[in-house]
Structure formats: structure tokens, C-alpha cells
Amino acid sequence: MNLGDSTEEGLSLPPTYLQTTPITCGVACVMMVRAAFQGVPLTRELETAICGEFYSRRFGIVPVISLAGYLAREGLDVEAYHQDKQKFWDPLKLDPIGLKVQTYRYEQAVSCGVMLHEPPVLDEPFLRQELKQRRLVICGTIYRSSGVRHAVLLYSAVGTRMHIIDPLEGRLSLEGSHFLKSMQTFSGVWCISVGKKA
């Protein structure tokens, strides 16, 4: 794939990988990021290895912030954004062990080089600006009407549409306003922006 070929905003289509388990949407996204920027082969073995390293039995998922740390550790430029982060942290105040686990995950990610930001608004102009900088964006979403937490990879925007790779469905083109609505999760709006280091 030639990352120099541009759409209106963003990158040409990254390699697609569909998750093979119910909990590896985020893992699939980081795999596609590494394939696009580093040419890493997309294999079930890689998915299993990443999941094995970061899976949290307590939460039944692979923590996204751990995956951000993984990408930084693998030599990519990673920035994590979280709007309304109190929606994520406040419930954990009632769960001391869970709070310690997540705090540790965040500290790990920062130690690997992840930059943490708390922007006032994660909106369409913000996402388009990231795409203009030739970055890929892992976005937290709610999967359709099920309410299940999900991660997708945003790679370009053309006109009013956002182009994503959904690890469950493959390549999709969504109206920008519809995509932004899907990012309104019960734990706030978050994304992980990834690019090559200068």
C-alpha cells in the first residue's frame, strides 16, 4: 500500500483485519495500524499474542490504553484523547481494585511514550485535522443499537463521509454526523491517534 496516495483527507485504504474473538476489536485496530505504517503481517497468531499480553479478566476486554502503549512501544507516535473522562473514572471510584488496574495501565502507556490529552471537544473537525496529518485514528464507538463497546479504525474522510474499517464488518462509509453519534459512549468520547515518528 502506498501511504502517499491521498483521499480528500487521510490515507488510502489500510489492510483490513477482522477480529476472530468477541473482545479483540481494539487488537484488530492496532494490528491494522501496524500493517499500514510498518508492514506487519496480519495473522491470527499476532492477534492471539497481543490479546494474551493485555487481556484483563477483571473487565473482560483488552484495555484500549494498553493498546496505545503497545503501539508507542513498537515505535509509533501515539496520542490518546478522552472527552468527558469522568464518565470513565467516576464509576471506578467505587471499585478500588479496578481503579488501581486502570491507573496502572495508564502509567504503563505514558512510560511507553503515549501522550495523554483532554481536549474540550472531540468533534468532526478534530478528527479531520488528525486525518490531514496522515494519521490513523482508533475510535471508541457503540456497536449499532446493541450498546456494546466497540473500536473501529478511521482512515479517511471524503466530503461529508467518514471512512472506517470495522473489525466486525470490514470497510464502511458513514455520514460524519452519524459516526460522531456512535462515538458517544457511556465512558465518554475517546480516540487514539497514531502516526509515524518524524
N, C-alpha and C. Protein backbone atom coordinates (compact mmCIF):
# COMPACT_ATOMS: atom_id res chain seq x y z
N MET A 1 0.84 -1.19 0.00
CA MET A 1 0.00 0.00 0.00
C MET A 1 0.87 1.24 0.00
N ASN A 2 0.51 2.25 -0.75
CA ASN A 2 1.26 3.49 -0.82
C ASN A 2 0.58 4.54 0.04
N LEU A 3 1.19 4.88 1.19
CA LEU A 3 0.60 5.87 2.07
C LEU A 3 0.70 7.27 1.51
N GLY A 4 1.37 7.44 0.40
CA GLY A 4 1.43 8.76 -0.21
C GLY A 4 0.19 9.08 -1.03
N ASP A 5 -0.58 8.08 -1.41
CA ASP A 5 -1.81 8.32 -2.16
C ASP A 5 -2.86 8.85 -1.21
N SER A 6 -3.37 10.04 -1.49
CA SER A 6 -4.31 10.63 -0.56
C SER A 6 -5.73 10.57 -1.09
N THR A 7 -6.67 10.45 -0.15
CA THR A 7 -8.05 10.71 -0.48
C THR A 7 -8.23 12.19 -0.19
N GLU A 8 -9.44 12.65 0.03
CA GLU A 8 -9.62 14.07 0.35
C GLU A 8 -8.87 14.41 1.63
N GLU A 9 -9.07 13.60 2.65
CA GLU A 9 -8.34 13.76 3.91
C GLU A 9 -8.04 12.36 4.42
N GLY A 10 -6.78 12.11 4.75
CA GLY A 10 -6.43 10.83 5.33
C GLY A 10 -5.58 9.97 4.41
N LEU A 11 -5.58 8.69 4.69
CA LEU A 11 -4.73 7.73 3.99
C LEU A 11 -5.55 6.87 3.04
N SER A 12 -4.85 6.27 2.08
CA SER A 12 -5.52 5.27 1.26
C SER A 12 -5.86 4.07 2.15
N LEU A 13 -6.66 3.19 1.65
CA LEU A 13 -7.22 2.10 2.45
C LEU A 13 -6.14 1.23 3.09
N PRO A 14 -6.08 1.19 4.42
CA PRO A 14 -5.13 0.29 5.10
C PRO A 14 -5.55 -1.17 4.91
N PRO A 15 -4.64 -2.11 5.13
CA PRO A 15 -5.01 -3.52 5.10
C PRO A 15 -6.11 -3.80 6.13
N THR A 16 -7.04 -4.67 5.79
CA THR A 16 -8.17 -4.98 6.67
C THR A 16 -7.95 -6.29 7.41
N TYR A 17 -8.27 -6.27 8.69
CA TYR A 17 -8.24 -7.50 9.50
C TYR A 17 -9.51 -7.55 10.33
N LEU A 18 -10.24 -8.65 10.24
CA LEU A 18 -11.46 -8.83 11.02
C LEU A 18 -11.15 -9.62 12.29
N GLN A 19 -11.65 -9.13 13.41
CA GLN A 19 -11.39 -9.78 14.69
C GLN A 19 -11.94 -11.20 14.68
N THR A 20 -11.25 -12.10 15.39
CA THR A 20 -11.68 -13.50 15.43
C THR A 20 -12.31 -13.89 16.75
N THR A 21 -12.31 -12.95 17.73
CA THR A 21 -12.97 -13.20 19.01
C THR A 21 -13.84 -11.99 19.35
N PRO A 22 -14.79 -12.14 20.29
CA PRO A 22 -15.67 -11.02 20.64
C PRO A 22 -14.96 -9.85 21.32
N ILE A 23 -13.75 -10.05 21.84
CA ILE A 23 -13.11 -9.00 22.64
C ILE A 23 -11.90 -8.36 21.96
N THR A 24 -11.64 -8.67 20.70
CA THR A 24 -10.39 -8.20 20.09
C THR A 24 -10.60 -7.13 19.01
N CYS A 25 -11.65 -6.32 19.13
CA CYS A 25 -11.83 -5.23 18.16
C CYS A 25 -10.66 -4.24 18.25
N GLY A 26 -10.27 -3.88 19.47
CA GLY A 26 -9.14 -2.96 19.63
C GLY A 26 -7.84 -3.57 19.16
N VAL A 27 -7.66 -4.85 19.43
CA VAL A 27 -6.47 -5.56 18.97
C VAL A 27 -6.40 -5.54 17.45
N ALA A 28 -7.53 -5.81 16.80
CA ALA A 28 -7.57 -5.78 15.33
C ALA A 28 -7.21 -4.40 14.80
N CYS A 29 -7.69 -3.35 15.47
CA CYS A 29 -7.37 -1.99 15.04
C CYS A 29 -5.88 -1.70 15.13
N VAL A 30 -5.23 -2.06 16.24
CA VAL A 30 -3.80 -1.78 16.35
C VAL A 30 -3.01 -2.63 15.35
N MET A 31 -3.49 -3.82 15.06
CA MET A 31 -2.83 -4.65 14.04
C MET A 31 -2.89 -3.95 12.67
N MET A 32 -4.05 -3.40 12.32
CA MET A 32 -4.18 -2.71 11.03
C MET A 32 -3.31 -1.47 10.98
N VAL A 33 -3.19 -0.76 12.11
CA VAL A 33 -2.31 0.41 12.17
C VAL A 33 -0.86 -0.01 11.90
N ARG A 34 -0.42 -1.06 12.55
CA ARG A 34 0.96 -1.52 12.34
C ARG A 34 1.17 -2.02 10.92
N ALA A 35 0.16 -2.68 10.35
CA ALA A 35 0.29 -3.14 8.97
C ALA A 35 0.43 -1.96 8.01
N ALA A 36 -0.36 -0.90 8.25
CA ALA A 36 -0.32 0.27 7.36
C ALA A 36 1.00 1.02 7.46
N PHE A 37 1.49 1.22 8.67
CA PHE A 37 2.69 2.04 8.86
C PHE A 37 3.99 1.25 8.85
N GLN A 38 3.92 -0.04 9.22
CA GLN A 38 5.15 -0.81 9.39
C GLN A 38 5.19 -2.09 8.57
N GLY A 39 4.12 -2.38 7.84
CA GLY A 39 4.10 -3.58 7.00
C GLY A 39 4.04 -4.88 7.77
N VAL A 40 3.57 -4.85 9.00
CA VAL A 40 3.50 -6.06 9.83
C VAL A 40 2.41 -6.99 9.27
N PRO A 41 2.70 -8.28 9.09
CA PRO A 41 1.68 -9.21 8.59
C PRO A 41 0.51 -9.34 9.56
N LEU A 42 -0.69 -9.42 9.01
CA LEU A 42 -1.90 -9.56 9.82
C LEU A 42 -2.23 -11.04 9.97
N THR A 43 -1.94 -11.60 11.14
CA THR A 43 -2.13 -13.03 11.36
C THR A 43 -2.91 -13.27 12.65
N ARG A 44 -3.55 -14.42 12.71
CA ARG A 44 -4.25 -14.82 13.93
C ARG A 44 -3.27 -14.96 15.08
N GLU A 45 -2.05 -15.37 14.78
CA GLU A 45 -1.03 -15.53 15.83
C GLU A 45 -0.71 -14.19 16.49
N LEU A 46 -0.63 -13.12 15.69
CA LEU A 46 -0.36 -11.80 16.25
C LEU A 46 -1.54 -11.35 17.11
N GLU A 47 -2.74 -11.57 16.64
CA GLU A 47 -3.93 -11.21 17.42
C GLU A 47 -3.93 -11.92 18.77
N THR A 48 -3.64 -13.21 18.74
CA THR A 48 -3.62 -14.01 19.97
C THR A 48 -2.53 -13.53 20.92
N ALA A 49 -1.36 -13.20 20.36
CA ALA A 49 -0.24 -12.76 21.20
C ALA A 49 -0.55 -11.43 21.89
N ILE A 50 -1.10 -10.47 21.14
CA ILE A 50 -1.42 -9.16 21.73
C ILE A 50 -2.50 -9.33 22.80
N CYS A 51 -3.53 -10.10 22.49
CA CYS A 51 -4.60 -10.32 23.46
C CYS A 51 -4.06 -10.99 24.71
N GLY A 52 -3.19 -11.97 24.55
CA GLY A 52 -2.62 -12.66 25.69
C GLY A 52 -1.81 -11.76 26.59
N GLU A 53 -1.17 -10.75 25.97
CA GLU A 53 -0.33 -9.83 26.75
C GLU A 53 -1.16 -8.84 27.55
N PHE A 54 -2.32 -8.42 27.02
CA PHE A 54 -3.04 -7.30 27.63
C PHE A 54 -4.45 -7.62 28.13
N TYR A 55 -4.95 -8.82 27.88
CA TYR A 55 -6.31 -9.14 28.29
C TYR A 55 -6.49 -8.99 29.80
N SER A 56 -7.59 -8.36 30.20
CA SER A 56 -7.90 -8.18 31.61
C SER A 56 -9.14 -8.99 31.97
N ARG A 57 -8.96 -10.04 32.76
CA ARG A 57 -10.11 -10.85 33.16
C ARG A 57 -11.11 -10.03 33.97
N ARG A 58 -10.60 -9.06 34.69
CA ARG A 58 -11.49 -8.27 35.54
C ARG A 58 -12.53 -7.51 34.71
N PHE A 59 -12.11 -7.04 33.53
CA PHE A 59 -13.01 -6.24 32.70
C PHE A 59 -13.51 -6.98 31.46
N GLY A 60 -12.96 -8.14 31.20
CA GLY A 60 -13.40 -8.93 30.06
C GLY A 60 -13.04 -8.34 28.71
N ILE A 61 -12.04 -7.46 28.67
CA ILE A 61 -11.62 -6.81 27.44
C ILE A 61 -10.11 -6.61 27.45
N VAL A 62 -9.59 -6.19 26.31
CA VAL A 62 -8.21 -5.72 26.25
C VAL A 62 -8.25 -4.20 26.40
N PRO A 63 -7.70 -3.63 27.49
CA PRO A 63 -7.80 -2.19 27.71
C PRO A 63 -7.20 -1.38 26.57
N VAL A 64 -7.95 -0.40 26.09
CA VAL A 64 -7.51 0.41 24.96
C VAL A 64 -6.22 1.14 25.28
N ILE A 65 -6.10 1.64 26.49
CA ILE A 65 -4.89 2.39 26.83
C ILE A 65 -3.66 1.49 26.78
N SER A 66 -3.83 0.19 27.06
CA SER A 66 -2.72 -0.75 26.92
C SER A 66 -2.31 -0.89 25.46
N LEU A 67 -3.30 -0.87 24.58
CA LEU A 67 -3.01 -0.98 23.16
C LEU A 67 -2.31 0.28 22.65
N ALA A 68 -2.66 1.44 23.22
CA ALA A 68 -1.95 2.66 22.87
C ALA A 68 -0.48 2.55 23.29
N GLY A 69 -0.25 2.02 24.49
CA GLY A 69 1.10 1.81 24.96
C GLY A 69 1.87 0.84 24.08
N TYR A 70 1.18 -0.20 23.64
CA TYR A 70 1.79 -1.19 22.75
C TYR A 70 2.27 -0.53 21.45
N LEU A 71 1.42 0.31 20.84
CA LEU A 71 1.80 0.97 19.60
C LEU A 71 2.98 1.91 19.80
N ALA A 72 2.99 2.62 20.93
CA ALA A 72 4.13 3.50 21.22
C ALA A 72 5.40 2.69 21.42
N ARG A 73 5.28 1.58 22.13
CA ARG A 73 6.43 0.71 22.37
C ARG A 73 6.99 0.15 21.06
N GLU A 74 6.10 -0.02 20.07
CA GLU A 74 6.52 -0.55 18.78
C GLU A 74 7.05 0.53 17.84
N GLY A 75 7.22 1.77 18.37
CA GLY A 75 7.91 2.80 17.62
C GLY A 75 7.04 3.80 16.88
N LEU A 76 5.73 3.82 17.17
CA LEU A 76 4.84 4.77 16.51
C LEU A 76 4.55 5.96 17.42
N ASP A 77 4.11 7.06 16.81
CA ASP A 77 3.76 8.27 17.55
C ASP A 77 2.29 8.16 17.95
N VAL A 78 2.01 8.14 19.25
CA VAL A 78 0.67 7.84 19.73
C VAL A 78 0.18 8.93 20.68
N GLU A 79 -1.03 9.41 20.42
CA GLU A 79 -1.68 10.39 21.28
C GLU A 79 -3.07 9.89 21.64
N ALA A 80 -3.40 9.94 22.92
CA ALA A 80 -4.70 9.45 23.41
C ALA A 80 -5.54 10.63 23.85
N TYR A 81 -6.78 10.66 23.41
CA TYR A 81 -7.71 11.75 23.71
C TYR A 81 -8.95 11.19 24.39
N HIS A 82 -9.42 11.89 25.43
CA HIS A 82 -10.60 11.43 26.16
C HIS A 82 -11.45 12.63 26.58
N GLN A 83 -12.61 12.73 25.99
CA GLN A 83 -13.56 13.78 26.34
C GLN A 83 -14.53 13.22 27.39
N ASP A 84 -14.92 14.03 28.36
CA ASP A 84 -15.84 13.58 29.42
C ASP A 84 -15.26 12.37 30.15
N LYS A 85 -13.96 12.44 30.46
CA LYS A 85 -13.30 11.28 31.04
C LYS A 85 -13.86 10.89 32.40
N GLN A 86 -14.57 11.81 33.07
CA GLN A 86 -15.16 11.48 34.36
C GLN A 86 -16.18 10.35 34.24
N LYS A 87 -16.77 10.20 33.04
CA LYS A 87 -17.72 9.10 32.84
C LYS A 87 -17.03 7.74 32.95
N PHE A 88 -15.74 7.73 32.67
CA PHE A 88 -14.95 6.50 32.80
C PHE A 88 -14.42 6.32 34.21
N TRP A 89 -13.87 7.41 34.79
CA TRP A 89 -13.17 7.30 36.06
C TRP A 89 -14.10 7.30 37.27
N ASP A 90 -15.20 8.05 37.24
CA ASP A 90 -16.07 8.14 38.41
C ASP A 90 -16.61 6.78 38.87
N PRO A 91 -17.11 5.93 37.97
CA PRO A 91 -17.59 4.62 38.43
C PRO A 91 -16.49 3.76 39.06
N LEU A 92 -15.24 3.98 38.62
CA LEU A 92 -14.13 3.19 39.16
C LEU A 92 -13.81 3.57 40.60
N LYS A 93 -14.26 4.75 41.03
CA LYS A 93 -14.02 5.17 42.41
C LYS A 93 -14.74 4.24 43.40
N LEU A 94 -15.75 3.52 42.91
CA LEU A 94 -16.47 2.55 43.73
C LEU A 94 -15.85 1.16 43.66
N ASP A 95 -14.79 1.04 42.86
CA ASP A 95 -14.13 -0.24 42.63
C ASP A 95 -12.62 -0.05 42.81
N PRO A 96 -12.12 -0.10 44.06
CA PRO A 96 -10.70 0.20 44.31
C PRO A 96 -9.73 -0.64 43.50
N ILE A 97 -10.03 -1.92 43.32
CA ILE A 97 -9.12 -2.77 42.55
C ILE A 97 -9.14 -2.36 41.08
N GLY A 98 -10.33 -2.15 40.55
CA GLY A 98 -10.45 -1.72 39.16
C GLY A 98 -9.76 -0.40 38.92
N LEU A 99 -9.86 0.52 39.87
CA LEU A 99 -9.21 1.81 39.76
C LEU A 99 -7.69 1.65 39.71
N LYS A 100 -7.17 0.78 40.57
CA LYS A 100 -5.72 0.53 40.57
C LYS A 100 -5.26 -0.09 39.26
N VAL A 101 -6.05 -1.02 38.74
CA VAL A 101 -5.69 -1.68 37.48
C VAL A 101 -5.63 -0.65 36.35
N GLN A 102 -6.66 0.17 36.23
CA GLN A 102 -6.70 1.13 35.13
C GLN A 102 -5.64 2.22 35.30
N THR A 103 -5.40 2.66 36.53
CA THR A 103 -4.36 3.66 36.78
C THR A 103 -3.00 3.11 36.36
N TYR A 104 -2.75 1.85 36.70
CA TYR A 104 -1.50 1.19 36.31
C TYR A 104 -1.38 1.12 34.79
N ARG A 105 -2.48 0.79 34.09
CA ARG A 105 -2.45 0.72 32.64
C ARG A 105 -2.10 2.08 32.03
N TYR A 106 -2.68 3.14 32.58
CA TYR A 106 -2.37 4.48 32.08
C TYR A 106 -0.91 4.83 32.32
N GLU A 107 -0.40 4.52 33.50
CA GLU A 107 1.01 4.81 33.80
C GLU A 107 1.93 4.04 32.87
N GLN A 108 1.58 2.79 32.59
CA GLN A 108 2.36 1.98 31.66
C GLN A 108 2.40 2.63 30.28
N ALA A 109 1.23 3.08 29.80
CA ALA A 109 1.16 3.68 28.47
C ALA A 109 2.02 4.93 28.39
N VAL A 110 1.94 5.78 29.41
CA VAL A 110 2.73 7.01 29.43
C VAL A 110 4.23 6.67 29.44
N SER A 111 4.61 5.64 30.19
CA SER A 111 6.02 5.25 30.24
C SER A 111 6.53 4.75 28.89
N CYS A 112 5.61 4.29 28.04
CA CYS A 112 5.99 3.84 26.70
C CYS A 112 6.01 4.97 25.70
N GLY A 113 5.56 6.16 26.11
CA GLY A 113 5.62 7.32 25.23
C GLY A 113 4.29 7.85 24.74
N VAL A 114 3.17 7.32 25.24
CA VAL A 114 1.86 7.83 24.83
C VAL A 114 1.64 9.21 25.43
N MET A 115 1.20 10.14 24.61
CA MET A 115 0.83 11.48 25.08
C MET A 115 -0.66 11.47 25.38
N LEU A 116 -1.04 11.86 26.60
CA LEU A 116 -2.44 11.90 27.01
C LEU A 116 -2.96 13.33 26.92
N HIS A 117 -4.14 13.50 26.31
CA HIS A 117 -4.75 14.82 26.15
C HIS A 117 -6.19 14.79 26.63
N GLU A 118 -6.67 15.93 27.06
CA GLU A 118 -8.06 16.08 27.46
C GLU A 118 -8.65 17.26 26.71
N PRO A 119 -8.94 17.09 25.43
CA PRO A 119 -9.46 18.22 24.65
C PRO A 119 -10.90 18.55 25.07
N PRO A 120 -11.33 19.80 24.84
CA PRO A 120 -12.70 20.15 25.22
C PRO A 120 -13.73 19.42 24.38
N VAL A 121 -13.44 19.19 23.11
CA VAL A 121 -14.42 18.55 22.23
C VAL A 121 -13.70 17.65 21.23
N LEU A 122 -14.14 16.41 21.15
CA LEU A 122 -13.70 15.51 20.09
C LEU A 122 -14.81 15.51 19.04
N ASP A 123 -14.66 16.38 18.04
CA ASP A 123 -15.71 16.54 17.05
C ASP A 123 -15.18 16.22 15.66
N GLU A 124 -16.01 16.43 14.66
CA GLU A 124 -15.62 16.09 13.30
C GLU A 124 -14.43 16.91 12.81
N PRO A 125 -14.39 18.24 13.06
CA PRO A 125 -13.19 18.99 12.64
C PRO A 125 -11.90 18.46 13.28
N PHE A 126 -11.99 18.05 14.55
CA PHE A 126 -10.80 17.49 15.21
C PHE A 126 -10.35 16.22 14.48
N LEU A 127 -11.28 15.31 14.20
CA LEU A 127 -10.92 14.06 13.53
C LEU A 127 -10.35 14.34 12.14
N ARG A 128 -10.95 15.28 11.41
CA ARG A 128 -10.46 15.60 10.08
C ARG A 128 -9.04 16.18 10.13
N GLN A 129 -8.76 16.96 11.17
CA GLN A 129 -7.42 17.51 11.32
C GLN A 129 -6.39 16.41 11.55
N GLU A 130 -6.75 15.41 12.34
CA GLU A 130 -5.85 14.27 12.54
C GLU A 130 -5.60 13.55 11.22
N LEU A 131 -6.65 13.36 10.43
CA LEU A 131 -6.51 12.68 9.14
C LEU A 131 -5.63 13.48 8.19
N LYS A 132 -5.76 14.80 8.21
CA LYS A 132 -4.94 15.65 7.34
C LYS A 132 -3.46 15.49 7.66
N GLN A 133 -3.16 15.14 8.89
CA GLN A 133 -1.76 14.95 9.31
C GLN A 133 -1.27 13.53 9.01
N ARG A 134 -2.02 12.80 8.18
CA ARG A 134 -1.63 11.46 7.73
C ARG A 134 -1.56 10.48 8.89
N ARG A 135 -2.54 10.58 9.79
CA ARG A 135 -2.62 9.70 10.95
C ARG A 135 -3.82 8.78 10.82
N LEU A 136 -3.76 7.66 11.50
CA LEU A 136 -4.90 6.75 11.63
C LEU A 136 -5.47 6.94 13.02
N VAL A 137 -6.79 6.83 13.15
CA VAL A 137 -7.45 7.10 14.42
C VAL A 137 -8.31 5.92 14.84
N ILE A 138 -7.96 5.32 15.99
CA ILE A 138 -8.78 4.26 16.58
C ILE A 138 -9.83 4.96 17.43
N CYS A 139 -11.09 4.72 17.13
CA CYS A 139 -12.19 5.42 17.79
C CYS A 139 -13.05 4.45 18.58
N GLY A 140 -13.39 4.85 19.79
CA GLY A 140 -14.35 4.09 20.58
C GLY A 140 -15.75 4.40 20.10
N THR A 141 -16.57 3.37 19.93
CA THR A 141 -17.94 3.54 19.47
C THR A 141 -18.87 2.60 20.24
N ILE A 142 -20.14 2.79 20.00
CA ILE A 142 -21.15 1.84 20.44
C ILE A 142 -21.59 1.07 19.20
N TYR A 143 -21.54 -0.25 19.25
CA TYR A 143 -21.84 -1.05 18.07
C TYR A 143 -23.34 -1.07 17.80
N ARG A 144 -23.73 -0.44 16.72
CA ARG A 144 -25.13 -0.37 16.28
C ARG A 144 -26.05 -0.03 17.44
N SER A 145 -27.13 -0.76 17.60
CA SER A 145 -28.08 -0.45 18.68
C SER A 145 -27.90 -1.38 19.87
N SER A 146 -26.85 -2.22 19.84
CA SER A 146 -26.67 -3.21 20.91
C SER A 146 -26.14 -2.59 22.20
N GLY A 147 -25.50 -1.43 22.08
CA GLY A 147 -24.92 -0.79 23.26
C GLY A 147 -23.57 -1.37 23.66
N VAL A 148 -23.05 -2.31 22.88
CA VAL A 148 -21.77 -2.94 23.20
C VAL A 148 -20.62 -2.02 22.80
N ARG A 149 -19.64 -1.89 23.70
CA ARG A 149 -18.44 -1.11 23.39
C ARG A 149 -17.71 -1.72 22.21
N HIS A 150 -17.18 -0.86 21.35
CA HIS A 150 -16.54 -1.35 20.13
C HIS A 150 -15.48 -0.35 19.70
N ALA A 151 -14.47 -0.82 18.98
CA ALA A 151 -13.43 0.05 18.43
C ALA A 151 -13.37 -0.13 16.93
N VAL A 152 -13.19 0.98 16.22
CA VAL A 152 -13.07 0.95 14.77
C VAL A 152 -11.87 1.81 14.37
N LEU A 153 -11.42 1.64 13.13
CA LEU A 153 -10.28 2.39 12.63
C LEU A 153 -10.73 3.41 11.59
N LEU A 154 -10.55 4.69 11.88
CA LEU A 154 -10.87 5.78 10.95
C LEU A 154 -9.63 6.08 10.13
N TYR A 155 -9.79 6.06 8.78
CA TYR A 155 -8.60 6.29 7.95
C TYR A 155 -8.76 7.43 6.95
N SER A 156 -9.98 7.86 6.65
CA SER A 156 -10.13 8.98 5.72
C SER A 156 -11.51 9.61 5.84
N ALA A 157 -11.63 10.80 5.26
CA ALA A 157 -12.90 11.49 5.17
C ALA A 157 -13.00 12.08 3.77
N VAL A 158 -14.12 11.84 3.11
CA VAL A 158 -14.36 12.37 1.77
C VAL A 158 -15.72 13.05 1.77
N GLY A 159 -15.73 14.34 1.48
CA GLY A 159 -16.98 15.08 1.53
C GLY A 159 -17.53 15.07 2.95
N THR A 160 -18.75 14.64 3.11
CA THR A 160 -19.37 14.59 4.44
C THR A 160 -19.25 13.23 5.09
N ARG A 161 -18.53 12.31 4.44
CA ARG A 161 -18.50 10.92 4.92
C ARG A 161 -17.16 10.56 5.56
N MET A 162 -17.25 9.73 6.60
CA MET A 162 -16.07 9.22 7.28
C MET A 162 -15.89 7.77 6.86
N HIS A 163 -14.67 7.41 6.50
CA HIS A 163 -14.38 6.05 6.06
C HIS A 163 -13.66 5.30 7.17
N ILE A 164 -14.22 4.17 7.55
CA ILE A 164 -13.67 3.38 8.65
C ILE A 164 -13.49 1.94 8.22
N ILE A 165 -12.69 1.22 9.03
CA ILE A 165 -12.68 -0.24 8.95
C ILE A 165 -13.21 -0.74 10.28
N ASP A 166 -14.32 -1.43 10.24
CA ASP A 166 -14.93 -2.02 11.42
C ASP A 166 -14.41 -3.45 11.53
N PRO A 167 -13.76 -3.82 12.64
CA PRO A 167 -13.21 -5.18 12.75
C PRO A 167 -14.26 -6.29 12.71
N LEU A 168 -15.54 -5.93 12.80
CA LEU A 168 -16.61 -6.93 12.65
C LEU A 168 -17.17 -6.99 11.24
N GLU A 169 -17.14 -5.84 10.53
CA GLU A 169 -17.83 -5.76 9.23
C GLU A 169 -16.95 -5.39 8.06
N GLY A 170 -15.75 -4.92 8.31
CA GLY A 170 -14.89 -4.50 7.22
C GLY A 170 -15.03 -3.03 6.90
N ARG A 171 -14.79 -2.67 5.65
CA ARG A 171 -14.75 -1.27 5.23
C ARG A 171 -16.17 -0.69 5.16
N LEU A 172 -16.36 0.49 5.80
CA LEU A 172 -17.66 1.15 5.80
C LEU A 172 -17.47 2.65 5.53
N SER A 173 -18.49 3.25 4.96
CA SER A 173 -18.53 4.71 4.75
C SER A 173 -19.77 5.23 5.46
N LEU A 174 -19.56 6.13 6.44
CA LEU A 174 -20.65 6.63 7.25
C LEU A 174 -20.74 8.14 7.17
N GLU A 175 -21.95 8.66 7.22
CA GLU A 175 -22.15 10.11 7.32
C GLU A 175 -21.45 10.59 8.59
N GLY A 176 -20.73 11.72 8.49
CA GLY A 176 -19.94 12.20 9.62
C GLY A 176 -20.74 12.35 10.89
N SER A 177 -21.94 12.93 10.80
CA SER A 177 -22.75 13.14 12.00
C SER A 177 -23.18 11.82 12.62
N HIS A 178 -23.43 10.82 11.79
CA HIS A 178 -23.82 9.50 12.29
C HIS A 178 -22.64 8.84 13.01
N PHE A 179 -21.45 8.98 12.42
CA PHE A 179 -20.27 8.39 13.05
C PHE A 179 -19.99 9.05 14.39
N LEU A 180 -20.06 10.38 14.44
CA LEU A 180 -19.82 11.08 15.71
C LEU A 180 -20.83 10.66 16.77
N LYS A 181 -22.06 10.43 16.38
CA LYS A 181 -23.07 9.98 17.34
C LYS A 181 -22.71 8.62 17.91
N SER A 182 -22.13 7.75 17.08
CA SER A 182 -21.76 6.41 17.55
C SER A 182 -20.60 6.46 18.54
N MET A 183 -19.85 7.58 18.55
CA MET A 183 -18.72 7.71 19.48
C MET A 183 -19.14 8.17 20.87
N GLN A 184 -20.42 8.49 21.05
CA GLN A 184 -20.91 8.93 22.36
C GLN A 184 -21.16 7.70 23.23
N THR A 185 -20.13 7.22 23.91
CA THR A 185 -20.24 6.01 24.70
C THR A 185 -20.49 6.35 26.17
N PHE A 186 -20.88 5.34 26.93
CA PHE A 186 -21.15 5.57 28.36
C PHE A 186 -19.90 5.94 29.14
N SER A 187 -18.72 5.70 28.57
CA SER A 187 -17.47 6.07 29.25
C SER A 187 -16.83 7.30 28.63
N GLY A 188 -17.64 8.09 27.92
CA GLY A 188 -17.12 9.30 27.29
C GLY A 188 -16.70 9.05 25.85
N VAL A 189 -16.22 10.09 25.21
CA VAL A 189 -15.75 10.01 23.83
C VAL A 189 -14.24 9.91 23.84
N TRP A 190 -13.70 8.90 23.17
CA TRP A 190 -12.25 8.73 23.19
C TRP A 190 -11.74 8.29 21.84
N CYS A 191 -10.46 8.55 21.60
CA CYS A 191 -9.81 8.05 20.40
C CYS A 191 -8.31 8.00 20.63
N ILE A 192 -7.66 7.18 19.83
CA ILE A 192 -6.21 7.04 19.84
C ILE A 192 -5.71 7.41 18.45
N SER A 193 -4.92 8.47 18.36
CA SER A 193 -4.39 8.94 17.08
C SER A 193 -2.95 8.46 16.92
N VAL A 194 -2.67 7.84 15.76
CA VAL A 194 -1.36 7.21 15.56
C VAL A 194 -0.75 7.66 14.24
N GLY A 195 0.53 7.97 14.29
CA GLY A 195 1.26 8.32 13.07
C GLY A 195 2.69 7.83 13.16
N LYS A 196 3.40 8.02 12.08
CA LYS A 196 4.82 7.68 12.09
C LYS A 196 5.60 8.76 12.84
N LYS A 197 6.64 8.37 13.53
CA LYS A 197 7.50 9.34 14.18
C LYS A 197 8.30 10.11 13.15
N ALA A 198 8.48 11.40 13.42
CA ALA A 198 9.22 12.25 12.48
C ALA A 198 10.68 11.81 12.41
